[in-house]
Amino acid sequence: MYKLIRPWLFKQDPEKTHELTLGILSKWHRTPLSLLWKQNLPSKPVRVMGIDFPNPVGLAAGLDKNAECIDAFAQMGFGFIEVGTVTPLAQPGNDKPRLFRLVEDEAIINRMGFNNHGVNVLLENVKASSYKGVLGINIGKNKNTPEERALDDYLACLEKVYPYAGYVTINISSPNTPGLRDLQHGSSLDALLSGLKESQLELANKYDRYVPLVVKIAPDLEESEVEVMAQSLLRNKMDGVIATNTTLSRDGLRDDKAKEAGGLSGKPLQNKSTRIIELLCKTLQRQIPVIGVGGIDSPEAAQAKFRAGASLVQIYTGFIYQGPGLIRSIVNHL
């Protein structure tokens, strides 16, 4: 079905198509029309971070920023769903246009800028959902919050989402919030992670429930930077790492829209993200699990992430290009 409607969808403005699709999913998931995307997939269970996942294929953050369509995505067979990035306060994000399809390259460029309705709205949507599976909540800082106060924003979000999350992702790698990627380095990274770890342990005691903390990193890192970051993750006892976010590289692109500013996702990111996974796993020595994301458009691409050392994978751009059938294809080939 998706192959039939995709040509029409791809003729429309990308952001309007995104909003239209989310609107349909949120309204139709309780109706017979949900049969358009429902899938019953075989069980391929895996245990990671102390969590039991029905299969290791998840939805990456960014598609459902406000947690409006959790139930519909669950019907597609995802083994876990990550919503967000969410910030303490609602913010409009960057000026439009800010989302571009590079069809020739099977890629997307976005410079959305953490547009979202704020953490309180996201949590109302989470509470209204009937989803009982593994829910990751991805948190970030508001654009107007200075870098030196970033920890305050992450702590505010962590405290609010903790009771409702299966795990929480710390997004310090989006290229579309000024200064955010600076938090990936040196003393800034250690200060952020140590502060979050302290809060996590306090919240675990308060709720008598341990919720893992995961850090999402960029693909545009040198080997030495990956090694230093891995040591910081170990030192601060993080529970997992997602590799990777979007890239600023434009190497080898053919589409005219490649000149647009923003983070690039999709097939061109495939090898770059796999390289980061390999470097991470080499340094971490499997003490911290890695979630692989970036350019997964086939069972073979997913297997490359697993061979590199990933314990779980997430899809986004490949899902946009191929639809729910990609989930089935990957799970069936595990």
Protein backbone atom coordinates (compact mmCIF):
# COMPACT_ATOMS: atom_id res chain seq x y z
CA MET A 1 0.00 0.00 0.00
CA TYR A 2 2.78 2.45 0.95
CA LYS A 3 4.44 1.97 -2.44
CA LEU A 4 1.22 3.08 -4.09
CA ILE A 5 0.78 6.29 -2.09
CA ARG A 6 4.43 7.31 -1.76
CA PRO A 7 4.67 8.99 -5.20
CA TRP A 8 1.81 11.30 -4.25
CA LEU A 9 3.23 11.96 -0.79
CA PHE A 10 6.64 12.80 -2.23
CA LYS A 11 5.11 15.42 -4.55
CA GLN A 12 3.94 17.40 -1.52
CA ASP A 13 5.96 19.69 0.75
CA PRO A 14 7.96 17.41 3.11
CA GLU A 15 6.91 19.06 6.35
CA LYS A 16 3.24 19.27 5.34
CA THR A 17 3.37 15.58 4.40
CA HIS A 18 4.91 14.81 7.78
CA GLU A 19 2.14 16.69 9.60
CA LEU A 20 -0.59 15.11 7.42
CA THR A 21 0.75 11.60 8.07
CA LEU A 22 0.98 12.11 11.82
CA GLY A 23 -2.54 13.47 11.83
CA ILE A 24 -3.85 10.39 10.01
CA LEU A 25 -1.97 8.00 12.30
CA SER A 26 -3.21 9.72 15.45
CA LYS A 27 -6.84 9.76 14.29
CA TRP A 28 -7.12 6.39 12.56
CA HIS A 29 -5.22 4.03 14.85
CA ARG A 30 -8.44 3.02 16.67
CA THR A 31 -10.41 2.48 13.44
CA PRO A 32 -10.50 -0.32 10.82
CA LEU A 33 -8.35 1.94 8.62
CA SER A 34 -5.41 1.03 10.86
CA LEU A 35 -5.29 -2.20 8.83
CA LEU A 36 -3.44 -0.08 6.25
CA TRP A 37 -0.31 -0.26 8.44
CA LYS A 38 -0.90 -2.98 11.06
CA GLN A 39 1.59 -5.85 11.06
CA ASN A 40 1.97 -8.93 13.23
CA LEU A 41 5.66 -9.69 13.32
CA PRO A 42 7.44 -12.76 14.66
CA SER A 43 8.89 -12.47 18.15
CA LYS A 44 12.66 -11.92 18.11
CA PRO A 45 13.25 -11.00 21.77
CA VAL A 46 16.45 -9.42 23.03
CA ARG A 47 17.42 -8.12 26.47
CA VAL A 48 19.42 -4.89 26.55
CA MET A 49 20.03 -2.48 29.46
CA GLY A 50 17.95 -4.80 31.63
CA ILE A 51 14.95 -4.26 29.34
CA ASP A 52 13.16 -6.97 27.35
CA PHE A 53 12.52 -5.89 23.76
CA PRO A 54 10.13 -7.98 21.60
CA ASN A 55 12.47 -7.34 18.66
CA PRO A 56 15.56 -5.14 18.24
CA VAL A 57 14.15 -2.74 15.60
CA GLY A 58 13.05 0.63 16.94
CA LEU A 59 11.71 3.94 15.69
CA ALA A 60 14.31 6.70 16.01
CA ALA A 61 13.53 10.01 17.69
CA GLY A 62 12.47 12.96 15.57
CA LEU A 63 9.56 11.43 13.72
CA ASP A 64 7.05 11.67 16.59
CA LYS A 65 8.42 14.63 18.53
CA ASN A 66 5.30 15.14 20.67
CA ALA A 67 4.35 11.47 21.18
CA GLU A 68 1.13 11.88 19.22
CA CYS A 69 1.21 8.56 17.34
CA ILE A 70 2.73 6.01 19.72
CA ASP A 71 -0.14 3.54 19.35
CA ALA A 72 -0.06 3.66 15.55
CA PHE A 73 3.69 3.07 15.40
CA ALA A 74 3.28 0.18 17.83
CA GLN A 75 0.77 -1.38 15.42
CA MET A 76 3.49 -1.44 12.76
CA GLY A 77 5.58 -3.87 14.80
CA PHE A 78 8.39 -1.73 16.16
CA GLY A 79 10.22 -3.44 19.02
CA PHE A 80 10.54 -0.07 20.73
CA ILE A 81 9.60 3.53 20.04
CA GLU A 82 11.57 6.68 20.83
CA VAL A 83 9.72 10.00 20.95
CA GLY A 84 11.04 13.56 21.12
CA THR A 85 13.36 15.41 21.12
CA VAL A 86 11.39 17.31 23.74
CA THR A 87 12.49 20.45 25.61
CA PRO A 88 11.27 21.95 28.90
CA LEU A 89 9.34 24.70 27.11
CA ALA A 90 7.54 24.63 23.79
CA GLN A 91 9.46 26.19 20.92
CA PRO A 92 8.70 26.72 17.22
CA GLY A 93 12.07 25.58 15.89
CA ASN A 94 13.88 27.14 12.97
CA ASP A 95 12.34 29.07 10.09
CA LYS A 96 10.68 27.18 7.24
CA PRO A 97 11.48 25.59 4.86
CA ARG A 98 13.54 23.30 7.06
CA LEU A 99 12.95 19.78 5.74
CA PHE A 100 14.19 18.54 2.36
CA ARG A 101 14.02 15.19 0.55
CA LEU A 102 17.06 14.21 -1.50
CA VAL A 103 15.34 11.48 -3.50
CA GLU A 104 18.30 10.73 -5.76
CA ASP A 105 20.40 10.04 -2.65
CA GLU A 106 17.64 8.39 -0.58
CA ALA A 107 18.32 10.99 2.08
CA ILE A 108 16.74 13.80 4.05
CA ILE A 109 18.17 17.10 5.25
CA ASN A 110 16.51 18.71 8.24
CA ARG A 111 17.17 21.84 10.24
CA MET A 112 14.03 21.61 12.37
CA GLY A 113 15.65 22.94 15.55
CA PHE A 114 13.86 20.90 18.24
CA ASN A 115 10.40 22.18 17.33
CA ASN A 116 8.04 20.67 19.90
CA HIS A 117 5.11 21.47 22.19
CA GLY A 118 7.10 21.12 25.41
CA VAL A 119 7.56 18.28 27.87
CA ASN A 120 4.18 18.69 29.59
CA VAL A 121 2.25 18.20 26.34
CA LEU A 122 4.36 15.20 25.41
CA LEU A 123 3.62 13.56 28.75
CA GLU A 124 -0.12 14.12 28.37
CA ASN A 125 0.08 12.30 25.03
CA VAL A 126 2.11 9.48 26.58
CA LYS A 127 -0.45 9.07 29.37
CA ALA A 128 -3.30 9.00 26.84
CA SER A 129 -1.63 6.20 24.88
CA SER A 130 -2.42 2.53 25.44
CA TYR A 131 1.12 1.45 24.50
CA LYS A 132 2.69 -0.99 26.96
CA GLY A 133 5.95 -1.56 25.12
CA VAL A 134 9.38 0.00 25.49
CA LEU A 135 9.19 3.79 25.17
CA GLY A 136 12.30 5.90 24.89
CA ILE A 137 11.96 9.62 25.56
CA ASN A 138 14.58 11.85 23.96
CA ILE A 139 15.31 15.10 25.80
CA GLY A 140 17.16 18.29 24.87
CA LYS A 141 17.68 21.90 25.83
CA ASN A 142 15.74 24.94 24.68
CA LYS A 143 17.44 27.06 22.03
CA ASN A 144 17.45 30.15 24.25
CA THR A 145 19.03 28.36 27.19
CA PRO A 146 22.74 29.28 27.30
CA GLU A 147 25.21 26.42 27.01
CA GLU A 148 26.40 26.88 30.59
CA ARG A 149 22.83 26.32 31.83
CA ALA A 150 22.12 23.32 29.60
CA LEU A 151 22.20 20.87 32.51
CA ASP A 152 19.23 22.68 34.07
CA ASP A 153 17.08 21.94 31.00
CA TYR A 154 18.10 18.29 30.84
CA LEU A 155 17.45 17.82 34.54
CA ALA A 156 14.03 19.48 34.28
CA CYS A 157 13.04 17.12 31.47
CA LEU A 158 14.55 14.04 33.11
CA GLU A 159 12.62 14.61 36.32
CA LYS A 160 9.33 14.91 34.45
CA VAL A 161 9.71 12.05 31.96
CA TYR A 162 11.36 9.55 34.32
CA PRO A 163 8.14 7.87 35.62
CA TYR A 164 6.87 7.28 32.06
CA ALA A 165 9.99 6.23 30.15
CA GLY A 166 11.48 2.83 29.48
CA TYR A 167 14.76 4.67 28.91
CA VAL A 168 15.74 8.32 28.49
CA THR A 169 17.99 9.60 25.69
CA ILE A 170 20.22 12.64 26.20
CA ASN A 171 20.43 14.42 22.84
CA ILE A 172 23.69 16.38 22.66
CA SER A 173 24.34 15.81 18.97
CA SER A 174 21.72 17.61 16.89
CA PRO A 175 23.47 20.04 14.53
CA ASN A 176 20.46 22.36 14.47
CA THR A 177 20.64 23.87 17.98
CA PRO A 178 23.56 26.33 18.28
CA GLY A 179 26.27 25.12 20.64
CA LEU A 180 24.61 21.78 21.39
CA ARG A 181 27.38 19.63 19.94
CA ASP A 182 29.91 21.44 22.14
CA LEU A 183 28.40 19.46 25.02
CA GLN A 184 29.94 16.29 23.55
CA HIS A 185 33.46 17.27 24.54
CA GLY A 186 35.75 17.50 27.55
CA SER A 187 34.68 18.97 30.86
CA SER A 188 31.29 20.05 29.45
CA LEU A 189 30.41 16.42 28.72
CA ASP A 190 31.57 15.15 32.10
CA ALA A 191 29.69 17.89 33.96
CA LEU A 192 26.50 17.15 32.05
CA LEU A 193 26.66 13.39 32.43
CA SER A 194 27.66 13.41 36.09
CA GLY A 195 24.79 15.77 36.91
CA LEU A 196 22.32 13.58 35.05
CA LYS A 197 23.66 10.41 36.66
CA GLU A 198 23.21 11.90 40.12
CA SER A 199 19.62 12.84 39.30
CA GLN A 200 18.93 9.42 37.77
CA LEU A 201 19.98 7.64 40.96
CA GLU A 202 17.86 9.97 43.10
CA LEU A 203 14.84 9.35 40.86
CA ALA A 204 15.44 5.59 40.89
CA ASN A 205 15.30 5.69 44.67
CA LYS A 206 12.21 7.91 44.64
CA TYR A 207 10.23 5.71 42.23
CA ASP A 208 11.84 2.39 43.16
CA ARG A 209 12.51 1.88 39.46
CA TYR A 210 15.73 2.23 37.50
CA VAL A 211 15.35 3.92 34.09
CA PRO A 212 18.47 3.69 31.88
CA LEU A 213 20.17 6.82 30.55
CA VAL A 214 21.34 6.74 26.93
CA VAL A 215 23.49 9.35 25.14
CA LYS A 216 23.01 10.13 21.44
CA ILE A 217 26.19 11.18 19.65
CA ALA A 218 27.15 12.68 16.30
CA PRO A 219 28.76 10.87 13.37
CA ASP A 220 31.15 13.76 12.67
CA LEU A 221 33.76 12.77 15.24
CA GLU A 222 37.41 11.83 14.87
CA GLU A 223 38.60 8.51 16.24
CA SER A 224 40.34 10.24 19.15
CA GLU A 225 37.13 12.12 19.99
CA VAL A 226 35.11 8.90 19.99
CA GLU A 227 37.62 7.30 22.37
CA VAL A 228 37.52 10.27 24.78
CA MET A 229 33.71 10.29 24.68
CA ALA A 230 33.55 6.55 25.31
CA GLN A 231 35.75 6.96 28.38
CA SER A 232 33.41 9.67 29.67
CA LEU A 233 30.40 7.38 29.14
CA LEU A 234 32.14 4.66 31.15
CA ARG A 235 33.33 7.04 33.84
CA ASN A 236 29.83 8.43 34.38
CA LYS A 237 28.18 4.99 34.21
CA MET A 238 25.86 5.71 31.31
CA ASP A 239 23.60 2.80 30.38
CA GLY A 240 23.76 3.02 26.60
CA VAL A 241 24.80 5.12 23.60
CA ILE A 242 23.01 5.80 20.31
CA ALA A 243 25.24 6.10 17.27
CA THR A 244 24.49 8.25 15.42
CA ASN A 245 22.59 11.45 14.85
CA THR A 246 22.59 13.24 11.48
CA THR A 247 25.76 14.39 9.72
CA LEU A 248 26.95 17.74 8.39
CA SER A 249 28.91 16.01 5.63
CA ARG A 250 27.73 16.30 2.03
CA ASP A 251 30.24 13.91 0.47
CA GLY A 252 29.08 12.15 -2.69
CA LEU A 253 25.60 13.67 -2.88
CA ARG A 254 23.94 14.15 -6.26
CA ASP A 255 20.68 15.95 -5.46
CA ASP A 256 20.54 19.72 -6.00
CA LYS A 257 19.12 20.17 -2.51
CA ALA A 258 22.41 18.95 -0.98
CA LYS A 259 23.43 22.59 -0.54
CA GLU A 260 20.74 23.13 2.09
CA ALA A 261 22.00 23.59 5.65
CA GLY A 262 21.06 21.06 8.33
CA GLY A 263 21.64 17.48 9.37
CA LEU A 264 21.74 14.81 6.69
CA SER A 265 20.17 11.40 7.31
CA GLY A 266 19.58 8.35 5.15
CA LYS A 267 21.68 6.13 2.91
CA PRO A 268 24.71 8.47 2.68
CA LEU A 269 25.10 8.17 6.46
CA GLN A 270 25.18 4.37 6.41
CA ASN A 271 28.94 3.73 6.45
CA LYS A 272 29.79 6.76 8.57
CA SER A 273 27.49 5.69 11.41
CA THR A 274 28.68 2.08 11.20
CA ARG A 275 32.27 3.28 11.57
CA ILE A 276 31.36 5.17 14.75
CA ILE A 277 29.65 2.05 16.14
CA GLU A 278 32.80 0.02 15.50
CA LEU A 279 35.02 2.60 17.19
CA LEU A 280 32.68 2.85 20.18
CA CYS A 281 32.46 -0.89 20.66
CA LYS A 282 36.24 -1.21 20.43
CA THR A 283 36.72 1.29 23.26
CA LEU A 284 33.70 0.33 25.36
CA GLN A 285 34.51 -3.40 25.10
CA ARG A 286 30.78 -4.13 25.36
CA GLN A 287 30.55 -2.63 28.83
CA ILE A 288 27.85 -0.28 27.48
CA PRO A 289 25.42 -1.37 24.73
CA VAL A 290 25.24 0.57 21.48
CA ILE A 291 22.05 1.35 19.56
CA GLY A 292 22.84 1.69 15.86
CA VAL A 293 21.05 4.18 13.64
CA GLY A 294 21.92 5.83 10.36
CA GLY A 295 21.17 4.76 6.81
CA ILE A 296 19.38 1.51 7.62
CA ASP A 297 17.34 0.81 4.50
CA SER A 298 17.48 -2.99 4.27
CA PRO A 299 18.06 -6.15 6.31
CA GLU A 300 21.66 -6.12 5.07
CA ALA A 301 22.20 -2.57 6.36
CA ALA A 302 20.76 -3.55 9.73
CA GLN A 303 23.01 -6.62 9.87
CA ALA A 304 26.03 -4.39 9.22
CA LYS A 305 25.16 -2.44 12.37
CA PHE A 306 24.82 -5.65 14.37
CA ARG A 307 28.14 -6.95 13.02
CA ALA A 308 29.76 -3.67 14.05
CA GLY A 309 28.58 -4.34 17.61
CA ALA A 310 25.14 -2.74 17.93
CA SER A 311 22.68 -4.48 20.27
CA LEU A 312 19.63 -2.68 18.87
CA VAL A 313 18.91 -0.62 15.75
CA GLN A 314 16.61 2.28 14.93
CA ILE A 315 15.20 3.48 11.62
CA TYR A 316 13.88 6.83 10.41
CA THR A 317 14.78 7.93 6.88
CA GLY A 318 14.69 4.39 5.49
CA PHE A 319 11.23 4.11 7.03
CA ILE A 320 10.15 7.33 5.28
CA TYR A 321 11.32 5.98 1.93
CA GLN A 322 10.07 2.41 2.32
CA GLY A 323 7.25 2.45 4.86
CA PRO A 324 6.32 -0.18 7.47
CA GLY A 325 7.44 -3.01 5.20
CA LEU A 326 11.04 -2.19 6.14
CA ILE A 327 10.36 -3.20 9.77
CA ARG A 328 8.97 -6.55 8.68
CA SER A 329 11.82 -7.17 6.29
CA ILE A 330 14.49 -6.52 8.92
CA VAL A 331 12.79 -8.54 11.65
CA ASN A 332 12.15 -11.49 9.33
CA HIS A 333 15.83 -11.64 8.42
CA LEU A 334 17.16 -11.55 11.97
